[in-house]
Amino acid sequence: MVEVNLLPQQYRKQSEPTLWQPAAVGLAVLTALILVGVEVATATRVGNLKKDIDSVNGEIAALTPADQEFKALTQEKTQLTQITAIAVQLRDAKTYWTNDLASFTAQLPGGSGVALKSMTIRPLDAAALASQQQNGVYTGKNVTREIELSGSASSQQAVVNFLRTFENSPNFGVNFRSLQSEGETGQYTFNATVGLVKGDAAAPTTPADGAPAAPPAPGAPISSAEGGRVD
């Protein structure tokens, strides 16, 4: 089919070449290329990031055993530090009961007529010492431990002589408590506390009269501050 324009010349529309269509097509192509480039760049960046993440995860996996070992060692160090702290506290507060007994028995006078039935060793803190010194006990002596004594004696003078041996020593102090007659037996029972001055246990002394130290009476129980007994 052929179209014929029958309008007069002056009314006919002149057809001119249009440039916007190629430009629009070019712009669309350029936009598409840009979008493709951005997509490719983004995909490349994402791929590189994934590779970096995989690499880091690999390093983490490789370091996990070392990290676990480090945590275990840190925990062990903490436990050892706590144990060491407790051990130091126990060491600093430790009382050498054997040395205390050695110092005490070395001071015992021979042939004193006194038989000990029991002994209890206990620490004496500064507050308790100050309280006792206000009452005239252990005056001028830095007593750190006490030995609670109970025993029997052949006479009152035997008890006096026995306790005076410790009272006259710079390494001890005496707190006399009670004396009671046993009636027809002629024996006396007594209770007293002998205080050990700080530092005395390291150097046991010799009885004042030069006689050999007399151990407690056979079978006499000795108890520690914790309540344990040694026969």
Protein backbone atom coordinates (compact mmCIF):
# COMPACT_ATOMS: atom_id res chain seq x y z
CA MET A 1 0.00 0.00 0.00
CA VAL A 2 1.33 3.40 -1.06
CA GLU A 3 0.47 6.52 0.85
CA VAL A 4 0.04 9.72 -1.20
CA ASN A 5 0.07 13.12 0.43
CA LEU A 6 -2.57 15.16 -1.36
CA LEU A 7 -2.15 18.31 0.77
CA PRO A 8 -0.84 21.44 -0.83
CA GLN A 9 2.85 22.04 -0.68
CA GLN A 10 2.64 24.63 2.04
CA TYR A 11 0.71 22.33 4.31
CA ARG A 12 2.87 19.37 3.93
CA LYS A 13 5.06 18.50 6.98
CA GLN A 14 8.63 18.31 6.13
CA SER A 15 10.32 15.17 7.46
CA GLU A 16 13.69 15.88 8.93
CA PRO A 17 16.22 13.38 10.15
CA THR A 18 15.99 12.76 14.00
CA LEU A 19 19.13 12.33 16.13
CA TRP A 20 17.57 11.63 19.51
CA GLN A 21 16.80 8.02 18.76
CA PRO A 22 20.42 6.94 18.27
CA ALA A 23 21.37 9.02 21.31
CA ALA A 24 18.73 7.28 23.42
CA VAL A 25 19.91 3.92 22.25
CA GLY A 26 23.52 4.87 23.01
CA LEU A 27 22.56 6.12 26.45
CA ALA A 28 20.71 2.90 27.20
CA VAL A 29 23.67 0.86 26.06
CA LEU A 30 26.04 2.98 28.17
CA THR A 31 23.81 2.66 31.21
CA ALA A 32 23.67 -1.07 30.74
CA LEU A 33 27.43 -1.25 30.45
CA ILE A 34 27.85 0.84 33.61
CA LEU A 35 25.41 -1.36 35.50
CA VAL A 36 27.20 -4.47 34.28
CA GLY A 37 30.54 -2.96 35.33
CA VAL A 38 29.22 -2.08 38.77
CA GLU A 39 27.75 -5.56 39.13
CA VAL A 40 31.03 -7.17 38.08
CA ALA A 41 33.01 -4.94 40.47
CA THR A 42 30.60 -5.68 43.29
CA ALA A 43 30.73 -9.41 42.63
CA THR A 44 34.53 -9.26 42.53
CA ARG A 45 34.60 -7.34 45.81
CA VAL A 46 32.19 -9.76 47.44
CA GLY A 47 34.29 -12.66 46.20
CA ASN A 48 37.45 -11.10 47.62
CA LEU A 49 35.70 -10.47 50.95
CA LYS A 50 34.55 -14.08 51.06
CA LYS A 51 38.10 -15.20 50.42
CA ASP A 52 39.33 -12.94 53.23
CA ILE A 53 36.65 -14.30 55.56
CA ASP A 54 37.56 -17.86 54.68
CA SER A 55 41.22 -17.06 55.30
CA VAL A 56 40.47 -15.50 58.68
CA ASN A 57 38.25 -18.42 59.64
CA GLY A 58 41.07 -20.76 58.69
CA GLU A 59 43.48 -18.86 60.90
CA ILE A 60 40.96 -18.90 63.75
CA ALA A 61 40.52 -22.65 63.37
CA ALA A 62 44.29 -23.09 63.36
CA LEU A 63 44.66 -20.94 66.51
CA THR A 64 41.73 -22.50 68.39
CA PRO A 65 43.82 -25.27 70.06
CA ALA A 66 46.42 -22.71 71.14
CA ASP A 67 43.67 -20.44 72.47
CA GLN A 68 42.12 -23.29 74.43
CA GLU A 69 45.51 -24.22 75.84
CA PHE A 70 46.12 -20.58 76.79
CA LYS A 71 42.77 -20.41 78.60
CA ALA A 72 43.52 -23.68 80.42
CA LEU A 73 46.95 -22.40 81.46
CA THR A 74 45.45 -19.10 82.60
CA GLN A 75 42.89 -20.95 84.72
CA GLU A 76 45.61 -23.17 86.16
CA LYS A 77 47.71 -20.10 86.94
CA THR A 78 44.77 -18.53 88.77
CA GLN A 79 44.23 -21.69 90.82
CA LEU A 80 47.94 -21.96 91.62
CA THR A 81 48.01 -18.30 92.64
CA GLN A 82 45.12 -18.89 95.04
CA ILE A 83 46.76 -22.02 96.44
CA THR A 84 50.07 -20.20 96.83
CA ALA A 85 48.37 -17.32 98.63
CA ILE A 86 46.73 -19.74 101.07
CA ALA A 87 50.02 -21.58 101.57
CA VAL A 88 51.80 -18.31 102.33
CA GLN A 89 49.13 -17.37 104.86
CA LEU A 90 49.39 -20.76 106.52
CA ARG A 91 53.17 -20.54 106.53
CA ASP A 92 53.17 -17.07 108.05
CA ALA A 93 50.68 -18.11 110.73
CA LYS A 94 52.18 -21.53 111.32
CA THR A 95 52.94 -22.47 114.89
CA TYR A 96 55.63 -25.05 115.44
CA TRP A 97 54.02 -27.07 118.21
CA THR A 98 56.94 -29.47 118.38
CA ASN A 99 59.36 -26.64 119.02
CA ASP A 100 57.00 -25.17 121.59
CA LEU A 101 56.88 -28.47 123.46
CA ALA A 102 60.64 -28.84 123.23
CA SER A 103 61.13 -25.36 124.68
CA PHE A 104 58.63 -26.04 127.44
CA THR A 105 59.98 -29.45 128.47
CA ALA A 106 63.55 -28.12 128.42
CA GLN A 107 62.51 -25.62 131.10
CA LEU A 108 60.92 -28.22 133.38
CA PRO A 109 62.82 -28.57 136.67
CA GLY A 110 63.93 -32.07 137.59
CA GLY A 111 62.47 -33.69 140.72
CA SER A 112 59.90 -30.93 141.12
CA GLY A 113 57.22 -33.18 142.64
CA VAL A 114 54.80 -32.11 139.91
CA ALA A 115 53.06 -34.43 137.45
CA LEU A 116 51.27 -32.94 134.45
CA LYS A 117 47.98 -34.49 133.43
CA SER A 118 47.19 -32.46 130.30
CA MET A 119 48.48 -29.63 128.17
CA THR A 120 46.64 -27.53 125.62
CA ILE A 121 48.56 -25.21 123.28
CA ARG A 122 46.74 -22.33 121.65
CA PRO A 123 47.71 -19.06 119.94
CA LEU A 124 47.26 -15.75 121.74
CA ASP A 125 46.52 -12.72 119.60
CA ALA A 126 47.58 -9.18 120.38
CA ALA A 127 44.13 -8.08 121.61
CA ALA A 128 43.86 -10.98 124.07
CA LEU A 129 47.43 -10.34 125.29
CA ALA A 130 46.70 -6.65 125.85
CA SER A 131 43.58 -7.56 127.83
CA GLN A 132 45.52 -9.97 130.04
CA GLN A 133 48.36 -7.52 130.58
CA GLN A 134 45.86 -4.95 131.80
CA ASN A 135 44.99 -7.48 134.50
CA GLY A 136 48.63 -7.96 135.44
CA VAL A 137 49.24 -11.17 133.47
CA TYR A 138 52.28 -11.54 131.20
CA THR A 139 53.30 -7.97 131.99
CA GLY A 140 56.17 -6.79 129.80
CA LYS A 141 56.31 -10.04 127.81
CA ASN A 142 55.28 -10.48 124.18
CA VAL A 143 53.44 -13.77 124.59
CA THR A 144 52.19 -15.25 121.34
CA ARG A 145 51.04 -18.71 122.50
CA GLU A 146 49.75 -20.24 125.70
CA ILE A 147 50.06 -23.68 127.21
CA GLU A 148 47.11 -24.55 129.43
CA LEU A 149 48.32 -26.92 132.17
CA SER A 150 46.56 -29.16 134.65
CA GLY A 151 48.41 -31.46 137.00
CA SER A 152 49.02 -32.68 140.49
CA ALA A 153 51.73 -31.88 143.00
CA SER A 154 52.97 -33.27 146.29
CA SER A 155 52.71 -29.88 148.03
CA GLN A 156 51.84 -26.25 147.54
CA GLN A 157 55.52 -25.35 147.53
CA ALA A 158 56.11 -27.81 144.70
CA VAL A 159 53.56 -25.93 142.60
CA VAL A 160 55.16 -22.60 143.53
CA ASN A 161 58.64 -23.83 142.61
CA PHE A 162 57.37 -25.33 139.37
CA LEU A 163 55.65 -22.16 138.19
CA ARG A 164 58.45 -19.89 139.43
CA THR A 165 60.86 -21.67 137.06
CA PHE A 166 58.82 -20.38 134.11
CA GLU A 167 58.04 -17.00 135.66
CA ASN A 168 61.75 -16.23 136.11
CA SER A 169 62.57 -17.11 132.49
CA PRO A 170 62.45 -14.30 129.91
CA ASN A 171 61.04 -16.80 127.42
CA PHE A 172 57.89 -17.55 129.41
CA GLY A 173 55.12 -15.96 131.43
CA VAL A 174 52.82 -17.56 134.00
CA ASN A 175 49.14 -17.11 134.73
CA PHE A 176 48.25 -19.09 137.88
CA ARG A 177 44.59 -20.11 137.98
CA SER A 178 43.73 -22.50 140.79
CA LEU A 179 45.07 -24.89 143.45
CA GLN A 180 42.99 -27.49 145.27
CA SER A 181 43.81 -30.03 147.96
CA GLU A 182 42.83 -33.65 147.34
CA GLY A 183 42.06 -34.35 151.02
CA GLU A 184 43.47 -37.49 152.58
CA THR A 185 45.91 -38.17 149.73
CA GLY A 186 47.94 -35.07 150.58
CA GLN A 187 48.15 -34.26 146.89
CA TYR A 188 47.20 -30.98 145.24
CA THR A 189 45.70 -30.39 141.84
CA PHE A 190 46.36 -27.14 140.03
CA ASN A 191 45.61 -25.28 136.83
CA ALA A 192 47.84 -22.64 135.25
CA THR A 193 48.76 -21.15 131.92
CA VAL A 194 52.33 -20.75 130.71
CA GLY A 195 52.81 -18.18 127.99
CA LEU A 196 55.49 -18.58 125.32
CA VAL A 197 57.24 -15.37 124.41
CA LYS A 198 57.70 -14.77 120.68
CA GLY A 199 60.90 -16.36 119.36
CA ASP A 200 61.51 -18.62 122.32
CA ALA A 201 60.67 -21.84 120.49
CA ALA A 202 63.71 -21.57 118.27
CA ALA A 203 66.14 -21.90 121.18
CA PRO A 204 65.00 -24.26 123.96
CA THR A 205 66.44 -23.24 127.30
CA THR A 206 68.01 -25.25 130.10
CA PRO A 207 66.35 -25.54 133.52
CA ALA A 208 67.55 -22.97 136.02
CA ASP A 209 68.97 -25.55 138.41
CA GLY A 210 70.96 -27.31 135.68
CA ALA A 211 69.07 -30.58 136.15
CA PRO A 212 68.03 -32.57 133.08
CA ALA A 213 64.62 -31.79 131.69
CA ALA A 214 61.83 -33.92 133.09
CA PRO A 215 59.18 -35.07 130.61
CA PRO A 216 55.52 -35.09 131.56
CA ALA A 217 54.33 -37.91 133.76
CA PRO A 218 53.96 -41.28 131.98
CA GLY A 219 50.63 -41.57 130.27
CA ALA A 220 49.87 -37.89 130.70
CA PRO A 221 47.87 -36.75 127.66
CA ILE A 222 48.94 -33.69 125.74
CA SER A 223 46.43 -31.86 123.56
CA SER A 224 46.99 -29.28 120.89
CA ALA A 225 45.00 -26.13 120.26
CA GLU A 226 42.87 -28.01 117.71
CA GLY A 227 41.90 -30.59 120.27
CA GLY A 228 44.09 -33.44 119.02
CA ARG A 229 45.77 -35.63 121.63
CA VAL A 230 49.21 -37.17 121.72
CA ASP A 231 49.98 -39.91 124.23
